[in-house]
Amino acid sequence: MRKRQIKNQSLTKLFLVRWFASSLGLWIAAAILGPDRLNVSGHWIAWIISGLVLAAVNMFIRPILVIFSFSAIAFTLGLFMLVINGFLILLVSWIYDTLYIKSFGVAVVAGIILGLVNWLVSQVLEDFQK
């Protein structure tokens, strides 16, 4: 029973970190790309909700897309993941209308920025755990 509680706590922490990184990554991507390409209308809570929706989509839908497109990912040596990331960001903008993405190309660039932010947050947290 105790092992299950520890596993649930670690999954909760992982989701919270992904949520924070997604919100931060969207905010940074909007700052880099400009409000005419990527924007969240509303208060700062809209950034947090956008990050929550993106983290949930990445948690539930992304693994399914990766499994179904594994051959394309392998054939392009992983570059097809950029397309998947862009599609997921566009999907979040369709689900949560407050998030505005101008085009698929902007979504792909935002996916690259989000990936870098997620990597950076993971590296910082690893340094703190040592």
C-alpha atoms as a PDB file:
ATOM      1  CA  MET A   1       0.000   0.000   0.000  1.00  0.00           C
ATOM      2  CA  ARG A   2       2.806   2.410   0.914  1.00  0.00           C
ATOM      3  CA  LYS A   3       4.554   1.819  -2.417  1.00  0.00           C
ATOM      4  CA  ARG A   4       1.409   2.778  -4.298  1.00  0.00           C
ATOM      5  CA  GLN A   5       1.115   6.050  -2.345  1.00  0.00           C
ATOM      6  CA  ILE A   6       4.714   6.928  -3.161  1.00  0.00           C
ATOM      7  CA  LYS A   7       4.137   6.164  -6.850  1.00  0.00           C
ATOM      8  CA  ASN A   8       0.969   8.291  -6.912  1.00  0.00           C
ATOM      9  CA  GLN A   9       2.828  11.156  -5.233  1.00  0.00           C
ATOM     10  CA  SER A  10       5.637  10.966  -7.784  1.00  0.00           C
ATOM     11  CA  LEU A  11       3.121  10.948 -10.665  1.00  0.00           C
ATOM     12  CA  THR A  12       1.397  13.950  -9.151  1.00  0.00           C
ATOM     13  CA  LYS A  13       4.708  15.782  -8.803  1.00  0.00           C
ATOM     14  CA  LEU A  14       5.625  14.893 -12.380  1.00  0.00           C
ATOM     15  CA  PHE A  15       2.313  16.233 -13.681  1.00  0.00           C
ATOM     16  CA  LEU A  16       2.674  19.437 -11.655  1.00  0.00           C
ATOM     17  CA  VAL A  17       6.181  19.962 -13.041  1.00  0.00           C
ATOM     18  CA  ARG A  18       4.920  19.361 -16.588  1.00  0.00           C
ATOM     19  CA  TRP A  19       2.056  21.776 -15.963  1.00  0.00           C
ATOM     20  CA  PHE A  20       4.457  24.467 -14.726  1.00  0.00           C
ATOM     21  CA  ALA A  21       6.865  23.855 -17.616  1.00  0.00           C
ATOM     22  CA  SER A  22       4.037  23.966 -20.169  1.00  0.00           C
ATOM     23  CA  SER A  23       2.691  27.252 -18.800  1.00  0.00           C
ATOM     24  CA  LEU A  24       6.171  28.752 -18.670  1.00  0.00           C
ATOM     25  CA  GLY A  25       7.012  27.456 -22.139  1.00  0.00           C
ATOM     26  CA  LEU A  26       3.860  28.939 -23.663  1.00  0.00           C
ATOM     27  CA  TRP A  27       4.580  32.262 -21.995  1.00  0.00           C
ATOM     28  CA  ILE A  28       8.185  32.292 -23.265  1.00  0.00           C
ATOM     29  CA  ALA A  29       7.093  31.207 -26.761  1.00  0.00           C
ATOM     30  CA  ALA A  30       4.560  34.051 -26.846  1.00  0.00           C
ATOM     31  CA  ALA A  31       7.248  36.498 -25.757  1.00  0.00           C
ATOM     32  CA  ILE A  32       9.608  35.293 -28.489  1.00  0.00           C
ATOM     33  CA  LEU A  33       7.087  34.895 -31.300  1.00  0.00           C
ATOM     34  CA  GLY A  34       5.029  37.966 -30.514  1.00  0.00           C
ATOM     35  CA  PRO A  35       1.376  38.447 -29.639  1.00  0.00           C
ATOM     36  CA  ASP A  36       0.277  38.480 -33.280  1.00  0.00           C
ATOM     37  CA  ARG A  37       1.432  34.849 -33.711  1.00  0.00           C
ATOM     38  CA  LEU A  38       0.876  33.272 -30.294  1.00  0.00           C
ATOM     39  CA  ASN A  39      -1.205  34.855 -27.590  1.00  0.00           C
ATOM     40  CA  VAL A  40      -3.406  34.063 -24.647  1.00  0.00           C
ATOM     41  CA  SER A  41      -6.168  36.572 -24.214  1.00  0.00           C
ATOM     42  CA  GLY A  42      -7.148  37.246 -20.671  1.00  0.00           C
ATOM     43  CA  HIS A  43      -5.519  37.335 -17.301  1.00  0.00           C
ATOM     44  CA  TRP A  44      -2.465  35.395 -16.114  1.00  0.00           C
ATOM     45  CA  ILE A  45      -4.830  32.603 -15.071  1.00  0.00           C
ATOM     46  CA  ALA A  46      -5.394  31.926 -18.778  1.00  0.00           C
ATOM     47  CA  TRP A  47      -1.672  31.081 -19.114  1.00  0.00           C
ATOM     48  CA  ILE A  48      -1.990  28.617 -16.241  1.00  0.00           C
ATOM     49  CA  ILE A  49      -5.105  27.008 -17.726  1.00  0.00           C
ATOM     50  CA  SER A  50      -3.416  26.796 -21.143  1.00  0.00           C
ATOM     51  CA  GLY A  51      -0.482  25.024 -19.515  1.00  0.00           C
ATOM     52  CA  LEU A  52      -2.853  22.669 -17.711  1.00  0.00           C
ATOM     53  CA  VAL A  53      -4.654  21.738 -20.926  1.00  0.00           C
ATOM     54  CA  LEU A  54      -1.336  21.265 -22.726  1.00  0.00           C
ATOM     55  CA  ALA A  55       0.051  19.091 -19.923  1.00  0.00           C
ATOM     56  CA  ALA A  56      -3.105  16.954 -19.967  1.00  0.00           C
ATOM     57  CA  VAL A  57      -2.996  16.595 -23.755  1.00  0.00           C
ATOM     58  CA  ASN A  58       0.681  15.648 -23.571  1.00  0.00           C
ATOM     59  CA  MET A  59      -0.075  13.115 -20.857  1.00  0.00           C
ATOM     60  CA  PHE A  60      -3.015  11.366 -22.530  1.00  0.00           C
ATOM     61  CA  ILE A  61      -2.965  11.973 -26.292  1.00  0.00           C
ATOM     62  CA  ARG A  62       0.757  12.280 -27.062  1.00  0.00           C
ATOM     63  CA  PRO A  63       1.630   8.643 -26.220  1.00  0.00           C
ATOM     64  CA  ILE A  64      -1.113   7.404 -28.548  1.00  0.00           C
ATOM     65  CA  LEU A  65       0.135   9.614 -31.403  1.00  0.00           C
ATOM     66  CA  VAL A  66       3.725   8.489 -30.837  1.00  0.00           C
ATOM     67  CA  ILE A  67       2.718   4.816 -30.973  1.00  0.00           C
ATOM     68  CA  PHE A  68       0.688   5.249 -34.165  1.00  0.00           C
ATOM     69  CA  SER A  69       3.371   7.322 -35.887  1.00  0.00           C
ATOM     70  CA  PHE A  70       6.389   5.355 -34.707  1.00  0.00           C
ATOM     71  CA  SER A  71       7.414   4.377 -38.228  1.00  0.00           C
ATOM     72  CA  ALA A  72       7.363   8.027 -39.381  1.00  0.00           C
ATOM     73  CA  ILE A  73       9.367   9.026 -36.309  1.00  0.00           C
ATOM     74  CA  ALA A  74      11.930   6.297 -36.980  1.00  0.00           C
ATOM     75  CA  PHE A  75      12.131   7.089 -40.709  1.00  0.00           C
ATOM     76  CA  THR A  76      12.757  10.812 -40.078  1.00  0.00           C
ATOM     77  CA  LEU A  77      15.120  10.077 -37.185  1.00  0.00           C
ATOM     78  CA  GLY A  78      12.825  11.802 -34.708  1.00  0.00           C
ATOM     79  CA  LEU A  79      12.076  14.937 -36.682  1.00  0.00           C
ATOM     80  CA  PHE A  80       8.435  13.910 -37.043  1.00  0.00           C
ATOM     81  CA  MET A  81       8.114  14.636 -33.312  1.00  0.00           C
ATOM     82  CA  LEU A  82       8.194  18.327 -34.268  1.00  0.00           C
ATOM     83  CA  VAL A  83       5.044  17.759 -36.314  1.00  0.00           C
ATOM     84  CA  ILE A  84       3.410  15.925 -33.401  1.00  0.00           C
ATOM     85  CA  ASN A  85       4.342  18.722 -30.985  1.00  0.00           C
ATOM     86  CA  GLY A  86       2.952  21.337 -33.357  1.00  0.00           C
ATOM     87  CA  PHE A  87      -0.249  19.379 -33.804  1.00  0.00           C
ATOM     88  CA  LEU A  88      -0.706  19.019 -30.043  1.00  0.00           C
ATOM     89  CA  ILE A  89      -0.276  22.756 -29.517  1.00  0.00           C
ATOM     90  CA  LEU A  90      -2.819  23.432 -32.263  1.00  0.00           C
ATOM     91  CA  LEU A  91      -5.140  20.909 -30.625  1.00  0.00           C
ATOM     92  CA  VAL A  92      -4.856  22.793 -27.331  1.00  0.00           C
ATOM     93  CA  SER A  93      -5.695  26.049 -29.104  1.00  0.00           C
ATOM     94  CA  TRP A  94      -8.797  24.382 -30.564  1.00  0.00           C
ATOM     95  CA  ILE A  95      -9.824  22.993 -27.175  1.00  0.00           C
ATOM     96  CA  TYR A  96      -9.093  26.179 -25.244  1.00  0.00           C
ATOM     97  CA  ASP A  97     -10.173  29.111 -27.410  1.00  0.00           C
ATOM     98  CA  THR A  98      -8.325  31.643 -25.268  1.00  0.00           C
ATOM     99  CA  LEU A  99      -5.014  30.350 -26.687  1.00  0.00           C
ATOM    100  CA  TYR A 100      -4.409  31.838 -30.141  1.00  0.00           C
ATOM    101  CA  ILE A 101      -1.985  30.193 -32.575  1.00  0.00           C
ATOM    102  CA  LYS A 102      -1.692  31.852 -35.987  1.00  0.00           C
ATOM    103  CA  SER A 103      -0.614  28.826 -38.048  1.00  0.00           C
ATOM    104  CA  PHE A 104       0.816  25.330 -37.948  1.00  0.00           C
ATOM    105  CA  GLY A 105       4.332  26.694 -38.515  1.00  0.00           C
ATOM    106  CA  VAL A 106       3.992  28.905 -35.461  1.00  0.00           C
ATOM    107  CA  ALA A 107       2.782  25.868 -33.501  1.00  0.00           C
ATOM    108  CA  VAL A 108       5.857  23.878 -34.574  1.00  0.00           C
ATOM    109  CA  VAL A 109       8.206  26.698 -33.512  1.00  0.00           C
ATOM    110  CA  ALA A 110       6.302  27.014 -30.234  1.00  0.00           C
ATOM    111  CA  GLY A 111       6.716  23.245 -29.796  1.00  0.00           C
ATOM    112  CA  ILE A 112      10.478  23.606 -30.204  1.00  0.00           C
ATOM    113  CA  ILE A 113      10.539  26.380 -27.609  1.00  0.00           C
ATOM    114  CA  LEU A 114       8.354  24.325 -25.267  1.00  0.00           C
ATOM    115  CA  GLY A 115      10.664  21.350 -25.673  1.00  0.00           C
ATOM    116  CA  LEU A 116      13.674  23.464 -24.756  1.00  0.00           C
ATOM    117  CA  VAL A 117      11.888  24.892 -21.714  1.00  0.00           C
ATOM    118  CA  ASN A 118      10.829  21.401 -20.592  1.00  0.00           C
ATOM    119  CA  TRP A 119      14.390  20.164 -20.978  1.00  0.00           C
ATOM    120  CA  LEU A 120      15.759  23.123 -19.035  1.00  0.00           C
ATOM    121  CA  VAL A 121      13.251  22.675 -16.204  1.00  0.00           C
ATOM    122  CA  SER A 122      14.111  18.945 -16.042  1.00  0.00           C
ATOM    123  CA  GLN A 123      17.826  19.727 -15.852  1.00  0.00           C
ATOM    124  CA  VAL A 124      17.340  22.272 -13.079  1.00  0.00           C
ATOM    125  CA  LEU A 125      15.216  19.858 -11.067  1.00  0.00           C
ATOM    126  CA  GLU A 126      17.787  17.089 -11.505  1.00  0.00           C
ATOM    127  CA  ASP A 127      20.467  19.424 -10.148  1.00  0.00           C
ATOM    128  CA  PHE A 128      18.331  20.181  -7.093  1.00  0.00           C
ATOM    129  CA  GLN A 129      17.721  16.478  -6.420  1.00  0.00           C
ATOM    130  CA  LYS A 130      21.447  15.672  -6.336  1.00  0.00           C
END
